[in-house]
Amino acid sequence: MNIAHKKRLFAIILVFLLRTTSALMVYVNPFLGLALYMVFDGCDTFILEDFGGLNYFEYENLDKVIDSVTFLILLPIGFKYGVFYALLALLIFRLLGTFIYLLRRNEKYLILFPDFYISFLFFTIILKETGLYPKNNLSEYIFLLAGLIIFQLSMEIVYHYVYPKLWKGEGMSRKLLRFFGYKRKRVM
């Protein structure tokens, strides 16, 4: 096994361990565990693409598989917060979109089947832990849910439509990294 393969394997194992460990941390400290999960989910692209040498589509495929595994790890926490069935429905919704994406290799399916799962869980934990979760107030709940839907749809559009176009054109993220001394150019 050459150096490139070892780096690739190390990057994949590292990201898998960071993401699954942070998902398991939710059972010890829900807010911190989920915050770390979201940080590791956000920075895994740099580990897998820049260090591990995965191309964009290899990264996307692996990311969706790791997402699915970690979503299953996180599912039982829904019992603690009384949202298990809502999480289960969101998980099935996202898994359907992921399955179609993996078959068709078209990111529009990830926009059509957005990842409401993590956002819903994160906001539920924040609202319930701080006592701000709307109790018996349907209009407040609908308002918060509408905000969450708008937020996540906009994030999915940025992640799967805007960001890849900027990435291919070496957009702002690359310019910012170069400003801080990053030298390697992304290979597509």
C-alpha atoms as a PDB file:
ATOM      1  CA  MET A   1       0.000   0.000   0.000  1.00  0.00           C
ATOM      2  CA  ASN A   2       1.554   3.295  -1.063  1.00  0.00           C
ATOM      3  CA  ILE A   3       1.572   6.568   0.889  1.00  0.00           C
ATOM      4  CA  ALA A   4      -1.449   8.014  -0.953  1.00  0.00           C
ATOM      5  CA  HIS A   5      -3.569   4.962  -0.120  1.00  0.00           C
ATOM      6  CA  LYS A   6      -2.450   5.063   3.518  1.00  0.00           C
ATOM      7  CA  LYS A   7      -3.346   8.765   3.792  1.00  0.00           C
ATOM      8  CA  ARG A   8      -6.705   8.088   2.165  1.00  0.00           C
ATOM      9  CA  LEU A   9      -7.494   5.196   4.520  1.00  0.00           C
ATOM     10  CA  PHE A  10      -6.312   7.179   7.545  1.00  0.00           C
ATOM     11  CA  ALA A  11      -8.506  10.152   6.570  1.00  0.00           C
ATOM     12  CA  ILE A  12     -11.574   7.928   6.130  1.00  0.00           C
ATOM     13  CA  ILE A  13     -11.035   6.154   9.461  1.00  0.00           C
ATOM     14  CA  LEU A  14     -10.342   9.449  11.253  1.00  0.00           C
ATOM     15  CA  VAL A  15     -13.512  11.098   9.953  1.00  0.00           C
ATOM     16  CA  PHE A  16     -15.604   8.012  10.727  1.00  0.00           C
ATOM     17  CA  LEU A  17     -14.243   7.887  14.294  1.00  0.00           C
ATOM     18  CA  LEU A  18     -14.690  11.642  14.886  1.00  0.00           C
ATOM     19  CA  ARG A  19     -18.246  11.628  13.612  1.00  0.00           C
ATOM     20  CA  THR A  20     -19.373   8.425  15.363  1.00  0.00           C
ATOM     21  CA  THR A  21     -17.650   9.349  18.650  1.00  0.00           C
ATOM     22  CA  SER A  22     -19.260  12.792  18.666  1.00  0.00           C
ATOM     23  CA  ALA A  23     -22.636  11.180  17.893  1.00  0.00           C
ATOM     24  CA  LEU A  24     -22.160   8.870  20.886  1.00  0.00           C
ATOM     25  CA  MET A  25     -21.192  11.873  23.053  1.00  0.00           C
ATOM     26  CA  VAL A  26     -24.756  13.139  22.646  1.00  0.00           C
ATOM     27  CA  TYR A  27     -25.765  10.514  25.209  1.00  0.00           C
ATOM     28  CA  VAL A  28     -23.327  11.998  27.759  1.00  0.00           C
ATOM     29  CA  ASN A  29     -23.738  15.700  27.003  1.00  0.00           C
ATOM     30  CA  PRO A  30     -26.416  16.316  24.357  1.00  0.00           C
ATOM     31  CA  PHE A  31     -25.549  19.908  23.492  1.00  0.00           C
ATOM     32  CA  LEU A  32     -21.764  19.474  23.412  1.00  0.00           C
ATOM     33  CA  GLY A  33     -21.974  16.140  21.583  1.00  0.00           C
ATOM     34  CA  LEU A  34     -24.234  17.498  18.866  1.00  0.00           C
ATOM     35  CA  ALA A  35     -22.199  20.708  18.552  1.00  0.00           C
ATOM     36  CA  LEU A  36     -19.023  18.635  18.078  1.00  0.00           C
ATOM     37  CA  TYR A  37     -20.846  16.395  15.625  1.00  0.00           C
ATOM     38  CA  MET A  38     -21.827  19.413  13.539  1.00  0.00           C
ATOM     39  CA  VAL A  39     -18.263  20.814  13.659  1.00  0.00           C
ATOM     40  CA  PHE A  40     -16.760  17.483  12.562  1.00  0.00           C
ATOM     41  CA  ASP A  41     -19.420  17.115   9.870  1.00  0.00           C
ATOM     42  CA  GLY A  42     -18.513  20.574   8.604  1.00  0.00           C
ATOM     43  CA  CYS A  43     -14.743  20.103   8.534  1.00  0.00           C
ATOM     44  CA  ASP A  44     -14.607  16.520   7.271  1.00  0.00           C
ATOM     45  CA  THR A  45     -14.467  17.787   3.704  1.00  0.00           C
ATOM     46  CA  PHE A  46     -11.005  19.242   4.329  1.00  0.00           C
ATOM     47  CA  ILE A  47      -9.769  16.044   5.946  1.00  0.00           C
ATOM     48  CA  LEU A  48     -11.155  13.750   3.255  1.00  0.00           C
ATOM     49  CA  GLU A  49     -10.533  15.850   0.164  1.00  0.00           C
ATOM     50  CA  ASP A  50      -7.404  17.801   1.006  1.00  0.00           C
ATOM     51  CA  PHE A  51      -5.563  15.311   3.194  1.00  0.00           C
ATOM     52  CA  GLY A  52      -7.117  12.035   2.020  1.00  0.00           C
ATOM     53  CA  GLY A  53      -7.220  12.934  -1.662  1.00  0.00           C
ATOM     54  CA  LEU A  54     -10.868  12.029  -2.274  1.00  0.00           C
ATOM     55  CA  ASN A  55     -12.508  13.844  -5.146  1.00  0.00           C
ATOM     56  CA  TYR A  56     -15.749  15.756  -4.616  1.00  0.00           C
ATOM     57  CA  PHE A  57     -18.067  12.907  -5.622  1.00  0.00           C
ATOM     58  CA  GLU A  58     -16.177  10.318  -3.567  1.00  0.00           C
ATOM     59  CA  TYR A  59     -16.443  12.673  -0.610  1.00  0.00           C
ATOM     60  CA  GLU A  60     -20.192  13.214  -1.130  1.00  0.00           C
ATOM     61  CA  ASN A  61     -20.858   9.466  -1.356  1.00  0.00           C
ATOM     62  CA  LEU A  62     -18.818   8.660   1.746  1.00  0.00           C
ATOM     63  CA  ASP A  63     -20.327  11.579   3.654  1.00  0.00           C
ATOM     64  CA  LYS A  64     -23.859  10.354   2.974  1.00  0.00           C
ATOM     65  CA  VAL A  65     -22.978   6.844   4.199  1.00  0.00           C
ATOM     66  CA  ILE A  66     -21.385   8.217   7.394  1.00  0.00           C
ATOM     67  CA  ASP A  67     -24.407  10.499   7.867  1.00  0.00           C
ATOM     68  CA  SER A  68     -26.704   7.474   7.686  1.00  0.00           C
ATOM     69  CA  VAL A  69     -24.673   5.527  10.269  1.00  0.00           C
ATOM     70  CA  THR A  70     -24.495   8.443  12.684  1.00  0.00           C
ATOM     71  CA  PHE A  71     -28.188   9.262  12.261  1.00  0.00           C
ATOM     72  CA  LEU A  72     -28.957   5.714  13.389  1.00  0.00           C
ATOM     73  CA  ILE A  73     -26.662   6.189  16.400  1.00  0.00           C
ATOM     74  CA  LEU A  74     -28.480   9.427  17.283  1.00  0.00           C
ATOM     75  CA  LEU A  75     -32.016   8.095  16.810  1.00  0.00           C
ATOM     76  CA  PRO A  76     -32.592   6.752  20.379  1.00  0.00           C
ATOM     77  CA  ILE A  77     -31.864  10.195  21.912  1.00  0.00           C
ATOM     78  CA  GLY A  78     -35.253  11.139  20.454  1.00  0.00           C
ATOM     79  CA  PHE A  79     -36.894   9.169  23.286  1.00  0.00           C
ATOM     80  CA  LYS A  80     -35.293  11.449  25.883  1.00  0.00           C
ATOM     81  CA  TYR A  81     -36.674  14.547  24.189  1.00  0.00           C
ATOM     82  CA  GLY A  82     -40.029  13.104  23.121  1.00  0.00           C
ATOM     83  CA  VAL A  83     -39.299  13.424  19.398  1.00  0.00           C
ATOM     84  CA  PHE A  84     -38.356   9.847  18.481  1.00  0.00           C
ATOM     85  CA  TYR A  85     -41.097   9.377  15.876  1.00  0.00           C
ATOM     86  CA  ALA A  86     -40.437  12.779  14.323  1.00  0.00           C
ATOM     87  CA  LEU A  87     -36.730  11.870  14.065  1.00  0.00           C
ATOM     88  CA  LEU A  88     -37.607   8.489  12.611  1.00  0.00           C
ATOM     89  CA  ALA A  89     -39.776  10.131   9.936  1.00  0.00           C
ATOM     90  CA  LEU A  90     -36.999  12.637   9.121  1.00  0.00           C
ATOM     91  CA  LEU A  91     -34.469   9.795   8.983  1.00  0.00           C
ATOM     92  CA  ILE A  92     -36.587   7.796   6.533  1.00  0.00           C
ATOM     93  CA  PHE A  93     -37.116  10.948   4.444  1.00  0.00           C
ATOM     94  CA  ARG A  94     -33.360  11.653   4.270  1.00  0.00           C
ATOM     95  CA  LEU A  95     -32.414   8.020   3.666  1.00  0.00           C
ATOM     96  CA  LEU A  96     -34.815   7.932   0.722  1.00  0.00           C
ATOM     97  CA  GLY A  97     -33.150  11.052  -0.707  1.00  0.00           C
ATOM     98  CA  THR A  98     -29.681   9.623  -0.062  1.00  0.00           C
ATOM     99  CA  PHE A  99     -30.612   6.356  -1.782  1.00  0.00           C
ATOM    100  CA  ILE A 100     -31.940   8.197  -4.837  1.00  0.00           C
ATOM    101  CA  TYR A 101     -28.851  10.450  -4.861  1.00  0.00           C
ATOM    102  CA  LEU A 102     -26.490   7.459  -4.736  1.00  0.00           C
ATOM    103  CA  LEU A 103     -28.399   5.802  -7.606  1.00  0.00           C
ATOM    104  CA  ARG A 104     -28.743   8.898  -9.793  1.00  0.00           C
ATOM    105  CA  ARG A 105     -25.613  10.816  -8.721  1.00  0.00           C
ATOM    106  CA  ASN A 106     -27.484  14.084  -8.967  1.00  0.00           C
ATOM    107  CA  GLU A 107     -27.322  16.530  -6.048  1.00  0.00           C
ATOM    108  CA  LYS A 108     -30.752  17.967  -6.769  1.00  0.00           C
ATOM    109  CA  TYR A 109     -32.118  14.965  -4.861  1.00  0.00           C
ATOM    110  CA  LEU A 110     -30.253  16.119  -1.759  1.00  0.00           C
ATOM    111  CA  ILE A 111     -31.990  19.487  -2.122  1.00  0.00           C
ATOM    112  CA  LEU A 112     -35.368  17.813  -2.690  1.00  0.00           C
ATOM    113  CA  PHE A 113     -34.783  15.595   0.376  1.00  0.00           C
ATOM    114  CA  PRO A 114     -33.010  18.011   2.748  1.00  0.00           C
ATOM    115  CA  ASP A 115     -31.308  16.955   5.945  1.00  0.00           C
ATOM    116  CA  PHE A 116     -33.812  18.217   8.502  1.00  0.00           C
ATOM    117  CA  TYR A 117     -32.692  15.486  10.897  1.00  0.00           C
ATOM    118  CA  ILE A 118     -29.658  17.127  12.537  1.00  0.00           C
ATOM    119  CA  SER A 119     -31.123  20.637  12.513  1.00  0.00           C
ATOM    120  CA  PHE A 120     -34.374  19.408  14.075  1.00  0.00           C
ATOM    121  CA  LEU A 121     -32.495  17.439  16.735  1.00  0.00           C
ATOM    122  CA  PHE A 122     -30.094  20.305  17.481  1.00  0.00           C
ATOM    123  CA  PHE A 123     -32.849  22.911  17.828  1.00  0.00           C
ATOM    124  CA  THR A 124     -34.986  20.514  19.885  1.00  0.00           C
ATOM    125  CA  ILE A 125     -32.102  19.918  22.290  1.00  0.00           C
ATOM    126  CA  ILE A 126     -31.347  23.641  22.574  1.00  0.00           C
ATOM    127  CA  LEU A 127     -34.991  24.592  23.094  1.00  0.00           C
ATOM    128  CA  LYS A 128     -35.752  21.801  25.572  1.00  0.00           C
ATOM    129  CA  GLU A 129     -32.525  22.196  27.571  1.00  0.00           C
ATOM    130  CA  THR A 130     -33.067  25.962  27.877  1.00  0.00           C
ATOM    131  CA  GLY A 131     -36.792  25.662  28.605  1.00  0.00           C
ATOM    132  CA  LEU A 132     -37.757  27.598  25.461  1.00  0.00           C
ATOM    133  CA  TYR A 133     -39.517  24.704  23.727  1.00  0.00           C
ATOM    134  CA  PRO A 134     -43.102  25.809  22.982  1.00  0.00           C
ATOM    135  CA  LYS A 135     -45.473  23.884  25.231  1.00  0.00           C
ATOM    136  CA  ASN A 136     -49.049  23.594  23.987  1.00  0.00           C
ATOM    137  CA  ASN A 137     -48.619  26.603  21.712  1.00  0.00           C
ATOM    138  CA  LEU A 138     -49.169  25.397  18.172  1.00  0.00           C
ATOM    139  CA  SER A 139     -48.547  28.779  16.527  1.00  0.00           C
ATOM    140  CA  GLU A 140     -45.112  29.157  18.184  1.00  0.00           C
ATOM    141  CA  TYR A 141     -44.214  25.587  17.228  1.00  0.00           C
ATOM    142  CA  ILE A 142     -45.280  26.121  13.603  1.00  0.00           C
ATOM    143  CA  PHE A 143     -43.321  29.394  13.486  1.00  0.00           C
ATOM    144  CA  LEU A 144     -40.170  27.663  14.790  1.00  0.00           C
ATOM    145  CA  LEU A 145     -40.677  24.726  12.431  1.00  0.00           C
ATOM    146  CA  ALA A 146     -41.112  27.062   9.445  1.00  0.00           C
ATOM    147  CA  GLY A 147     -37.907  28.859  10.408  1.00  0.00           C
ATOM    148  CA  LEU A 148     -36.086  25.546  10.646  1.00  0.00           C
ATOM    149  CA  ILE A 149     -37.368  24.450   7.223  1.00  0.00           C
ATOM    150  CA  ILE A 150     -36.321  27.731   5.581  1.00  0.00           C
ATOM    151  CA  PHE A 151     -32.918  27.593   7.293  1.00  0.00           C
ATOM    152  CA  GLN A 152     -32.210  24.001   6.260  1.00  0.00           C
ATOM    153  CA  LEU A 153     -33.431  24.423   2.685  1.00  0.00           C
ATOM    154  CA  SER A 154     -31.150  27.418   2.263  1.00  0.00           C
ATOM    155  CA  MET A 155     -28.246  25.433   3.715  1.00  0.00           C
ATOM    156  CA  GLU A 156     -28.891  22.511   1.352  1.00  0.00           C
ATOM    157  CA  ILE A 157     -28.953  24.877  -1.635  1.00  0.00           C
ATOM    158  CA  VAL A 158     -25.644  26.387  -0.513  1.00  0.00           C
ATOM    159  CA  TYR A 159     -24.066  22.967   0.205  1.00  0.00           C
ATOM    160  CA  HIS A 160     -25.205  21.205  -2.944  1.00  0.00           C
ATOM    161  CA  TYR A 161     -25.632  23.947  -5.525  1.00  0.00           C
ATOM    162  CA  VAL A 162     -23.740  27.153  -4.698  1.00  0.00           C
ATOM    163  CA  TYR A 163     -20.731  25.711  -2.858  1.00  0.00           C
ATOM    164  CA  PRO A 164     -19.745  23.137  -5.516  1.00  0.00           C
ATOM    165  CA  LYS A 165     -19.811  25.874  -8.175  1.00  0.00           C
ATOM    166  CA  LEU A 166     -17.591  28.096  -6.026  1.00  0.00           C
ATOM    167  CA  TRP A 167     -15.396  25.127  -5.155  1.00  0.00           C
ATOM    168  CA  LYS A 168     -14.793  24.236  -8.807  1.00  0.00           C
ATOM    169  CA  GLY A 169     -13.974  27.852  -9.521  1.00  0.00           C
ATOM    170  CA  GLU A 170     -11.770  28.046  -6.430  1.00  0.00           C
ATOM    171  CA  GLY A 171     -14.266  30.295  -4.665  1.00  0.00           C
ATOM    172  CA  MET A 172     -14.076  32.244  -1.436  1.00  0.00           C
ATOM    173  CA  SER A 173     -13.252  29.287   0.799  1.00  0.00           C
ATOM    174  CA  ARG A 174     -10.048  28.567  -1.152  1.00  0.00           C
ATOM    175  CA  LYS A 175      -9.087  32.233  -1.302  1.00  0.00           C
ATOM    176  CA  LEU A 176      -9.597  32.519   2.442  1.00  0.00           C
ATOM    177  CA  LEU A 177      -7.516  29.399   3.097  1.00  0.00           C
ATOM    178  CA  ARG A 178      -4.710  30.736   0.871  1.00  0.00           C
ATOM    179  CA  PHE A 179      -4.828  34.015   2.808  1.00  0.00           C
ATOM    180  CA  PHE A 180      -3.968  31.988   5.919  1.00  0.00           C
ATOM    181  CA  GLY A 181      -1.114  30.180   4.155  1.00  0.00           C
ATOM    182  CA  TYR A 182      -2.827  27.169   2.601  1.00  0.00           C
ATOM    183  CA  LYS A 183      -0.960  26.274  -0.616  1.00  0.00           C
ATOM    184  CA  ARG A 184      -2.445  23.105  -2.157  1.00  0.00           C
ATOM    185  CA  LYS A 185      -4.909  23.521  -5.006  1.00  0.00           C
ATOM    186  CA  ARG A 186      -7.950  21.274  -5.134  1.00  0.00           C
ATOM    187  CA  VAL A 187      -7.976  18.595  -7.822  1.00  0.00           C
ATOM    188  CA  MET A 188     -11.349  17.931  -9.437  1.00  0.00           C
END
